[in-house]
Amino acid sequence: MSRIGTYQQQPAGYKAFVPAPFPGVGLVTWDNDLIMLLSQADRAIGKLNAIDQLVPDVDFFIYMYITKEAAFSSQIEGTQATFLDFMYLA
């Protein structure tokens, strides 16, 4: 048996992948380091939620980051579009 699951023959003739129960036995070790990292992640999510309350228009805020990512990825492809070029197109 694989750590992530098995293929089981089905009556109709095909094999179906059946995943192992999640999390697998021994897959996660709950030690102090993991608990500390989970605590830090939980705190960061709480901070992000608090910032969400301060931003007047969350949709516009997200749109700006999507546009910024589009400008950077187009520059990787060799296009010379800038962030401002995308803003004027919108």
PDB file of N, CA and C in Angstrom:
ATOM      1  N   MET A   1       0.839  -1.194   0.000  1.00  0.00           N
ATOM      2  CA  MET A   1       0.000   0.000   0.000  1.00  0.00           C
ATOM      3  C   MET A   1       0.877   1.249   0.000  1.00  0.00           C
ATOM      4  N   SER A   2       0.527   2.183  -0.842  1.00  0.00           N
ATOM      5  CA  SER A   2       1.229   3.451  -0.921  1.00  0.00           C
ATOM      6  C   SER A   2       0.882   4.323   0.280  1.00  0.00           C
ATOM      7  N   ARG A   3       1.732   5.292   0.567  1.00  0.00           N
ATOM      8  CA  ARG A   3       1.442   6.204   1.682  1.00  0.00           C
ATOM      9  C   ARG A   3       0.247   7.102   1.385  1.00  0.00           C
ATOM     10  N   ILE A   4      -0.023   7.326   0.097  1.00  0.00           N
ATOM     11  CA  ILE A   4      -1.105   8.266  -0.223  1.00  0.00           C
ATOM     12  C   ILE A   4      -2.380   7.581  -0.688  1.00  0.00           C
ATOM     13  N   GLY A   5      -2.325   6.278  -0.964  1.00  0.00           N
ATOM     14  CA  GLY A   5      -3.535   5.581  -1.360  1.00  0.00           C
ATOM     15  C   GLY A   5      -3.238   4.382  -2.235  1.00  0.00           C
ATOM     16  N   THR A   6      -4.290   3.757  -2.745  1.00  0.00           N
ATOM     17  CA  THR A   6      -4.153   2.570  -3.585  1.00  0.00           C
ATOM     18  C   THR A   6      -5.109   2.645  -4.763  1.00  0.00           C
ATOM     19  N   TYR A   7      -4.799   1.850  -5.804  1.00  0.00           N
ATOM     20  CA  TYR A   7      -5.708   1.665  -6.920  1.00  0.00           C
ATOM     21  C   TYR A   7      -6.493   0.391  -6.652  1.00  0.00           C
ATOM     22  N   GLN A   8      -7.817   0.466  -6.769  1.00  0.00           N
ATOM     23  CA  GLN A   8      -8.653  -0.700  -6.535  1.00  0.00           C
ATOM     24  C   GLN A   8      -9.448  -1.014  -7.790  1.00  0.00           C
ATOM     25  N   GLN A   9      -9.427  -2.300  -8.171  1.00  0.00           N
ATOM     26  CA  GLN A   9     -10.172  -2.751  -9.341  1.00  0.00           C
ATOM     27  C   GLN A   9     -11.668  -2.596  -9.074  1.00  0.00           C
ATOM     28  N   GLN A  10     -12.377  -2.037 -10.034  1.00  0.00           N
ATOM     29  CA  GLN A  10     -13.815  -1.821  -9.917  1.00  0.00           C
ATOM     30  C   GLN A  10     -14.559  -2.852 -10.775  1.00  0.00           C
ATOM     31  N   PRO A  11     -15.810  -3.181 -10.395  1.00  0.00           N
ATOM     32  CA  PRO A  11     -16.577  -4.172 -11.153  1.00  0.00           C
ATOM     33  C   PRO A  11     -16.754  -3.802 -12.631  1.00  0.00           C
ATOM     34  N   ALA A  12     -16.760  -2.512 -12.948  1.00  0.00           N
ATOM     35  CA  ALA A  12     -16.968  -2.079 -14.335  1.00  0.00           C
ATOM     36  C   ALA A  12     -15.702  -2.250 -15.178  1.00  0.00           C
ATOM     37  N   GLY A  13     -14.574  -2.645 -14.560  1.00  0.00           N
ATOM     38  CA  GLY A  13     -13.380  -2.912 -15.331  1.00  0.00           C
ATOM     39  C   GLY A  13     -12.264  -1.892 -15.183  1.00  0.00           C
ATOM     40  N   TYR A  14     -12.519  -0.766 -14.596  1.00  0.00           N
ATOM     41  CA  TYR A  14     -11.473   0.250 -14.439  1.00  0.00           C
ATOM     42  C   TYR A  14     -10.932   0.211 -13.016  1.00  0.00           C
ATOM     43  N   LYS A  15      -9.786   0.856 -12.813  1.00  0.00           N
ATOM     44  CA  LYS A  15      -9.210   0.967 -11.481  1.00  0.00           C
ATOM     45  C   LYS A  15      -9.484   2.371 -10.951  1.00  0.00           C
ATOM     46  N   ALA A  16      -9.853   2.453  -9.704  1.00  0.00           N
ATOM     47  CA  ALA A  16     -10.114   3.740  -9.061  1.00  0.00           C
ATOM     48  C   ALA A  16      -9.067   3.968  -7.985  1.00  0.00           C
ATOM     49  N   PHE A  17      -8.570   5.198  -7.896  1.00  0.00           N
ATOM     50  CA  PHE A  17      -7.626   5.553  -6.843  1.00  0.00           C
ATOM     51  C   PHE A  17      -8.409   5.873  -5.585  1.00  0.00           C
ATOM     52  N   VAL A  18      -8.086   5.190  -4.509  1.00  0.00           N
ATOM     53  CA  VAL A  18      -8.735   5.422  -3.218  1.00  0.00           C
ATOM     54  C   VAL A  18      -7.672   5.980  -2.279  1.00  0.00           C
ATOM     55  N   PRO A  19      -7.800   7.261  -1.912  1.00  0.00           N
ATOM     56  CA  PRO A  19      -6.764   7.864  -1.060  1.00  0.00           C
ATOM     57  C   PRO A  19      -6.771   7.255   0.341  1.00  0.00           C
ATOM     58  N   ALA A  20      -5.612   7.270   0.962  1.00  0.00           N
ATOM     59  CA  ALA A  20      -5.482   6.826   2.346  1.00  0.00           C
ATOM     60  C   ALA A  20      -6.151   7.853   3.249  1.00  0.00           C
ATOM     61  N   PRO A  21      -6.564   7.442   4.435  1.00  0.00           N
ATOM     62  CA  PRO A  21      -7.153   8.415   5.364  1.00  0.00           C
ATOM     63  C   PRO A  21      -6.191   9.576   5.604  1.00  0.00           C
ATOM     64  N   PHE A  22      -6.727  10.761   5.720  1.00  0.00           N
ATOM     65  CA  PHE A  22      -5.898  11.959   5.893  1.00  0.00           C
ATOM     66  C   PHE A  22      -6.065  12.498   7.291  1.00  0.00           C
ATOM     67  N   PRO A  23      -5.046  12.918   7.971  1.00  0.00           N
ATOM     68  CA  PRO A  23      -3.654  12.706   7.598  1.00  0.00           C
ATOM     69  C   PRO A  23      -3.260  11.273   7.894  1.00  0.00           C
ATOM     70  N   GLY A  24      -2.343  10.766   7.112  1.00  0.00           N
ATOM     71  CA  GLY A  24      -1.864   9.407   7.314  1.00  0.00           C
ATOM     72  C   GLY A  24      -1.175   9.261   8.651  1.00  0.00           C
ATOM     73  N   VAL A  25      -1.115   8.053   9.133  1.00  0.00           N
ATOM     74  CA  VAL A  25      -0.477   7.790  10.417  1.00  0.00           C
ATOM     75  C   VAL A  25       1.003   8.170  10.315  1.00  0.00           C
ATOM     76  N   GLY A  26       1.467   8.980  11.222  1.00  0.00           N
ATOM     77  CA  GLY A  26       2.858   9.396  11.245  1.00  0.00           C
ATOM     78  C   GLY A  26       3.199  10.494  10.256  1.00  0.00           C
ATOM     79  N   LEU A  27       2.212  10.975   9.507  1.00  0.00           N
ATOM     80  CA  LEU A  27       2.484  12.006   8.510  1.00  0.00           C
ATOM     81  C   LEU A  27       2.747  13.358   9.166  1.00  0.00           C
ATOM     82  N   VAL A  28       2.038  13.645  10.252  1.00  0.00           N
ATOM     83  CA  VAL A  28       2.202  14.909  10.957  1.00  0.00           C
ATOM     84  C   VAL A  28       2.713  14.626  12.363  1.00  0.00           C
ATOM     85  N   THR A  29       3.809  15.265  12.710  1.00  0.00           N
ATOM     86  CA  THR A  29       4.360  15.139  14.056  1.00  0.00           C
ATOM     87  C   THR A  29       4.064  16.436  14.804  1.00  0.00           C
ATOM     88  N   TRP A  30       3.226  16.332  15.800  1.00  0.00           N
ATOM     89  CA  TRP A  30       2.818  17.518  16.560  1.00  0.00           C
ATOM     90  C   TRP A  30       3.864  17.816  17.635  1.00  0.00           C
ATOM     91  N   ASP A  31       4.919  18.504  17.236  1.00  0.00           N
ATOM     92  CA  ASP A  31       5.931  18.892  18.204  1.00  0.00           C
ATOM     93  C   ASP A  31       5.811  20.391  18.480  1.00  0.00           C
ATOM     94  N   ASN A  32       6.650  20.893  19.374  1.00  0.00           N
ATOM     95  CA  ASN A  32       6.573  22.305  19.765  1.00  0.00           C
ATOM     96  C   ASN A  32       6.849  23.245  18.597  1.00  0.00           C
ATOM     97  N   ASP A  33       7.755  22.848  17.685  1.00  0.00           N
ATOM     98  CA  ASP A  33       8.062  23.703  16.535  1.00  0.00           C
ATOM     99  C   ASP A  33       6.848  23.868  15.627  1.00  0.00           C
ATOM    100  N   LEU A  34       6.139  22.774  15.352  1.00  0.00           N
ATOM    101  CA  LEU A  34       4.951  22.847  14.501  1.00  0.00           C
ATOM    102  C   LEU A  34       3.854  23.673  15.164  1.00  0.00           C
ATOM    103  N   ILE A  35       3.659  23.468  16.431  1.00  0.00           N
ATOM    104  CA  ILE A  35       2.632  24.229  17.150  1.00  0.00           C
ATOM    105  C   ILE A  35       2.965  25.717  17.138  1.00  0.00           C
ATOM    106  N   MET A  36       4.245  26.074  17.271  1.00  0.00           N
ATOM    107  CA  MET A  36       4.661  27.475  17.225  1.00  0.00           C
ATOM    108  C   MET A  36       4.398  28.063  15.841  1.00  0.00           C
ATOM    109  N   LEU A  37       4.724  27.310  14.778  1.00  0.00           N
ATOM    110  CA  LEU A  37       4.482  27.798  13.422  1.00  0.00           C
ATOM    111  C   LEU A  37       2.984  27.985  13.157  1.00  0.00           C
ATOM    112  N   LEU A  38       2.171  27.058  13.626  1.00  0.00           N
ATOM    113  CA  LEU A  38       0.720  27.196  13.455  1.00  0.00           C
ATOM    114  C   LEU A  38       0.186  28.405  14.215  1.00  0.00           C
ATOM    115  N   SER A  39       0.749  28.653  15.384  1.00  0.00           N
ATOM    116  CA  SER A  39       0.348  29.819  16.171  1.00  0.00           C
ATOM    117  C   SER A  39       0.718  31.117  15.444  1.00  0.00           C
ATOM    118  N   GLN A  40       1.913  31.160  14.861  1.00  0.00           N
ATOM    119  CA  GLN A  40       2.336  32.345  14.110  1.00  0.00           C
ATOM    120  C   GLN A  40       1.451  32.555  12.879  1.00  0.00           C
ATOM    121  N   ALA A  41       1.097  31.472  12.196  1.00  0.00           N
ATOM    122  CA  ALA A  41       0.229  31.583  11.026  1.00  0.00           C
ATOM    123  C   ALA A  41      -1.149  32.086  11.431  1.00  0.00           C
ATOM    124  N   ASP A  42      -1.663  31.591  12.543  1.00  0.00           N
ATOM    125  CA  ASP A  42      -2.973  32.033  13.033  1.00  0.00           C
ATOM    126  C   ASP A  42      -2.947  33.522  13.380  1.00  0.00           C
ATOM    127  N   ARG A  43      -1.866  33.963  13.987  1.00  0.00           N
ATOM    128  CA  ARG A  43      -1.717  35.380  14.328  1.00  0.00           C
ATOM    129  C   ARG A  43      -1.648  36.246  13.069  1.00  0.00           C
ATOM    130  N   ALA A  44      -0.931  35.768  12.041  1.00  0.00           N
ATOM    131  CA  ALA A  44      -0.823  36.520  10.783  1.00  0.00           C
ATOM    132  C   ALA A  44      -2.181  36.627  10.093  1.00  0.00           C
ATOM    133  N   ILE A  45      -2.968  35.566  10.135  1.00  0.00           N
ATOM    134  CA  ILE A  45      -4.317  35.618   9.550  1.00  0.00           C
ATOM    135  C   ILE A  45      -5.173  36.619  10.306  1.00  0.00           C
ATOM    136  N   GLY A  46      -5.019  36.670  11.620  1.00  0.00           N
ATOM    137  CA  GLY A  46      -5.760  37.653  12.420  1.00  0.00           C
ATOM    138  C   GLY A  46      -5.378  39.079  12.059  1.00  0.00           C
ATOM    139  N   LYS A  47      -4.076  39.319  11.832  1.00  0.00           N
ATOM    140  CA  LYS A  47      -3.634  40.652  11.424  1.00  0.00           C
ATOM    141  C   LYS A  47      -4.198  41.026  10.061  1.00  0.00           C
ATOM    142  N   LEU A  48      -4.201  40.070   9.138  1.00  0.00           N
ATOM    143  CA  LEU A  48      -4.756  40.313   7.809  1.00  0.00           C
ATOM    144  C   LEU A  48      -6.245  40.639   7.896  1.00  0.00           C
ATOM    145  N   ASN A  49      -6.945  39.947   8.770  1.00  0.00           N
ATOM    146  CA  ASN A  49      -8.366  40.224   8.959  1.00  0.00           C
ATOM    147  C   ASN A  49      -8.574  41.636   9.526  1.00  0.00           C
ATOM    148  N   ALA A  50      -7.693  42.063  10.411  1.00  0.00           N
ATOM    149  CA  ALA A  50      -7.802  43.415  10.975  1.00  0.00           C
ATOM    150  C   ALA A  50      -7.530  44.472   9.908  1.00  0.00           C
ATOM    151  N   ILE A  51      -6.549  44.228   9.038  1.00  0.00           N
ATOM    152  CA  ILE A  51      -6.246  45.172   7.961  1.00  0.00           C
ATOM    153  C   ILE A  51      -7.420  45.277   7.002  1.00  0.00           C
ATOM    154  N   ASP A  52      -8.096  44.154   6.786  1.00  0.00           N
ATOM    155  CA  ASP A  52      -9.271  44.129   5.912  1.00  0.00           C
ATOM    156  C   ASP A  52     -10.318  45.145   6.384  1.00  0.00           C
ATOM    157  N   GLN A  53     -10.415  45.340   7.681  1.00  0.00           N
ATOM    158  CA  GLN A  53     -11.386  46.288   8.221  1.00  0.00           C
ATOM    159  C   GLN A  53     -10.983  47.738   7.968  1.00  0.00           C
ATOM    160  N   LEU A  54      -9.682  47.984   7.719  1.00  0.00           N
ATOM    161  CA  LEU A  54      -9.193  49.347   7.522  1.00  0.00           C
ATOM    162  C   LEU A  54      -9.217  49.803   6.068  1.00  0.00           C
ATOM    163  N   VAL A  55      -9.223  48.859   5.126  1.00  0.00           N
ATOM    164  CA  VAL A  55      -9.193  49.199   3.707  1.00  0.00           C
ATOM    165  C   VAL A  55     -10.603  49.581   3.269  1.00  0.00           C
ATOM    166  N   PRO A  56     -10.781  50.786   2.688  1.00  0.00           N
ATOM    167  CA  PRO A  56     -12.137  51.226   2.336  1.00  0.00           C
ATOM    168  C   PRO A  56     -12.775  50.398   1.222  1.00  0.00           C
ATOM    169  N   ASP A  57     -12.002  49.946   0.235  1.00  0.00           N
ATOM    170  CA  ASP A  57     -12.564  49.173  -0.876  1.00  0.00           C
ATOM    171  C   ASP A  57     -11.659  47.978  -1.146  1.00  0.00           C
ATOM    172  N   VAL A  58     -11.989  46.848  -0.548  1.00  0.00           N
ATOM    173  CA  VAL A  58     -11.152  45.657  -0.654  1.00  0.00           C
ATOM    174  C   VAL A  58     -11.046  45.192  -2.103  1.00  0.00           C
ATOM    175  N   ASP A  59     -12.127  45.260  -2.861  1.00  0.00           N
ATOM    176  CA  ASP A  59     -12.100  44.810  -4.253  1.00  0.00           C
ATOM    177  C   ASP A  59     -11.100  45.614  -5.081  1.00  0.00           C
ATOM    178  N   PHE A  60     -11.053  46.929  -4.895  1.00  0.00           N
ATOM    179  CA  PHE A  60     -10.104  47.763  -5.623  1.00  0.00           C
ATOM    180  C   PHE A  60      -8.672  47.450  -5.188  1.00  0.00           C
ATOM    181  N   PHE A  61      -8.485  47.219  -3.903  1.00  0.00           N
ATOM    182  CA  PHE A  61      -7.171  46.867  -3.362  1.00  0.00           C
ATOM    183  C   PHE A  61      -6.659  45.584  -4.013  1.00  0.00           C
ATOM    184  N   ILE A  62      -7.511  44.564  -4.099  1.00  0.00           N
ATOM    185  CA  ILE A  62      -7.132  43.295  -4.726  1.00  0.00           C
ATOM    186  C   ILE A  62      -6.892  43.500  -6.215  1.00  0.00           C
ATOM    187  N   TYR A  63      -7.727  44.309  -6.872  1.00  0.00           N
ATOM    188  CA  TYR A  63      -7.578  44.585  -8.305  1.00  0.00           C
ATOM    189  C   TYR A  63      -6.209  45.198  -8.605  1.00  0.00           C
ATOM    190  N   MET A  64      -5.748  46.087  -7.727  1.00  0.00           N
ATOM    191  CA  MET A  64      -4.441  46.708  -7.942  1.00  0.00           C
ATOM    192  C   MET A  64      -3.328  45.670  -7.896  1.00  0.00           C
ATOM    193  N   TYR A  65      -3.413  44.719  -6.976  1.00  0.00           N
ATOM    194  CA  TYR A  65      -2.380  43.685  -6.902  1.00  0.00           C
ATOM    195  C   TYR A  65      -2.445  42.737  -8.089  1.00  0.00           C
ATOM    196  N   ILE A  66      -3.630  42.422  -8.567  1.00  0.00           N
ATOM    197  CA  ILE A  66      -3.753  41.576  -9.757  1.00  0.00           C
ATOM    198  C   ILE A  66      -3.146  42.292 -10.955  1.00  0.00           C
ATOM    199  N   THR A  67      -3.400  43.575 -11.079  1.00  0.00           N
ATOM    200  CA  THR A  67      -2.844  44.363 -12.179  1.00  0.00           C
ATOM    201  C   THR A  67      -1.321  44.434 -12.080  1.00  0.00           C
ATOM    202  N   LYS A  68      -0.813  44.603 -10.875  1.00  0.00           N
ATOM    203  CA  LYS A  68       0.636  44.662 -10.672  1.00  0.00           C
ATOM    204  C   LYS A  68       1.270  43.331 -11.084  1.00  0.00           C
ATOM    205  N   GLU A  69       0.654  42.221 -10.700  1.00  0.00           N
ATOM    206  CA  GLU A  69       1.173  40.904 -11.068  1.00  0.00           C
ATOM    207  C   GLU A  69       1.130  40.714 -12.576  1.00  0.00           C
ATOM    208  N   ALA A  70       0.074  41.200 -13.229  1.00  0.00           N
ATOM    209  CA  ALA A  70      -0.035  41.086 -14.687  1.00  0.00           C
ATOM    210  C   ALA A  70       1.083  41.870 -15.372  1.00  0.00           C
ATOM    211  N   ALA A  71       1.392  43.041 -14.857  1.00  0.00           N
ATOM    212  CA  ALA A  71       2.461  43.851 -15.442  1.00  0.00           C
ATOM    213  C   ALA A  71       3.806  43.155 -15.287  1.00  0.00           C
ATOM    214  N   PHE A  72       4.078  42.607 -14.105  1.00  0.00           N
ATOM    215  CA  PHE A  72       5.353  41.927 -13.877  1.00  0.00           C
ATOM    216  C   PHE A  72       5.477  40.670 -14.721  1.00  0.00           C
ATOM    217  N   SER A  73       4.399  39.888 -14.827  1.00  0.00           N
ATOM    218  CA  SER A  73       4.497  38.656 -15.608  1.00  0.00           C
ATOM    219  C   SER A  73       4.632  38.960 -17.091  1.00  0.00           C
ATOM    220  N   SER A  74       4.012  40.048 -17.571  1.00  0.00           N
ATOM    221  CA  SER A  74       4.167  40.395 -18.982  1.00  0.00           C
ATOM    222  C   SER A  74       5.603  40.862 -19.265  1.00  0.00           C
ATOM    223  N   GLN A  75       6.240  41.489 -18.289  1.00  0.00           N
ATOM    224  CA  GLN A  75       7.628  41.910 -18.468  1.00  0.00           C
ATOM    225  C   GLN A  75       8.550  40.700 -18.532  1.00  0.00           C
ATOM    226  N   ILE A  76       8.229  39.644 -17.807  1.00  0.00           N
ATOM    227  CA  ILE A  76       9.020  38.411 -17.882  1.00  0.00           C
ATOM    228  C   ILE A  76       8.948  37.845 -19.295  1.00  0.00           C
ATOM    229  N   GLU A  77       7.777  37.971 -19.923  1.00  0.00           N
ATOM    230  CA  GLU A  77       7.587  37.458 -21.278  1.00  0.00           C
ATOM    231  C   GLU A  77       8.182  38.373 -22.335  1.00  0.00           C
ATOM    232  N   GLY A  78       8.692  39.529 -21.940  1.00  0.00           N
ATOM    233  CA  GLY A  78       9.330  40.426 -22.879  1.00  0.00           C
ATOM    234  C   GLY A  78       8.485  41.623 -23.279  1.00  0.00           C
ATOM    235  N   THR A  79       7.254  41.698 -22.830  1.00  0.00           N
ATOM    236  CA  THR A  79       6.401  42.853 -23.123  1.00  0.00           C
ATOM    237  C   THR A  79       6.834  44.015 -22.234  1.00  0.00           C
ATOM    238  N   GLN A  80       6.826  45.211 -22.772  1.00  0.00           N
ATOM    239  CA  GLN A  80       7.302  46.362 -22.014  1.00  0.00           C
ATOM    240  C   GLN A  80       6.163  47.155 -21.373  1.00  0.00           C
ATOM    241  N   ALA A  81       5.073  46.481 -21.029  1.00  0.00           N
ATOM    242  CA  ALA A  81       3.952  47.162 -20.366  1.00  0.00           C
ATOM    243  C   ALA A  81       4.320  47.417 -18.906  1.00  0.00           C
ATOM    244  N   THR A  82       3.897  48.561 -18.403  1.00  0.00           N
ATOM    245  CA  THR A  82       4.141  48.910 -17.007  1.00  0.00           C
ATOM    246  C   THR A  82       2.833  48.841 -16.244  1.00  0.00           C
ATOM    247  N   PHE A  83       2.920  49.013 -14.939  1.00  0.00           N
ATOM    248  CA  PHE A  83       1.738  49.035 -14.092  1.00  0.00           C
ATOM    249  C   PHE A  83       0.783  50.145 -14.529  1.00  0.00           C
ATOM    250  N   LEU A  84       1.325  51.320 -14.867  1.00  0.00           N
ATOM    251  CA  LEU A  84       0.487  52.444 -15.292  1.00  0.00           C
ATOM    252  C   LEU A  84      -0.205  52.161 -16.610  1.00  0.00           C
ATOM    253  N   ASP A  85       0.466  51.426 -17.523  1.00  0.00           N
ATOM    254  CA  ASP A  85      -0.183  51.057 -18.785  1.00  0.00           C
ATOM    255  C   ASP A  85      -1.435  50.239 -18.527  1.00  0.00           C
ATOM    256  N   PHE A  86      -1.381  49.318 -17.589  1.00  0.00           N
ATOM    257  CA  PHE A  86      -2.537  48.496 -17.266  1.00  0.00           C
ATOM    258  C   PHE A  86      -3.634  49.321 -16.623  1.00  0.00           C
ATOM    259  N   MET A  87      -3.246  50.297 -15.816  1.00  0.00           N
ATOM    260  CA  MET A  87      -4.241  51.130 -15.142  1.00  0.00           C
ATOM    261  C   MET A  87      -5.036  51.954 -16.166  1.00  0.00           C
ATOM    262  N   TYR A  88      -4.358  52.416 -17.232  1.00  0.00           N
ATOM    263  CA  TYR A  88      -5.049  53.219 -18.239  1.00  0.00           C
ATOM    264  C   TYR A  88      -5.966  52.372 -19.107  1.00  0.00           C
ATOM    265  N   LEU A  89      -5.672  51.065 -19.214  1.00  0.00           N
ATOM    266  CA  LEU A  89      -6.501  50.174 -20.023  1.00  0.00           C
ATOM    267  C   LEU A  89      -7.787  49.802 -19.310  1.00  0.00           C
ATOM    268  N   ALA A  90      -7.777  49.846 -17.995  1.00  0.00           N
ATOM    269  CA  ALA A  90      -8.939  49.391 -17.218  1.00  0.00           C
ATOM    270  C   ALA A  90     -10.111  50.302 -17.346  1.00  0.00           C
TER     271      ALA A  90
END
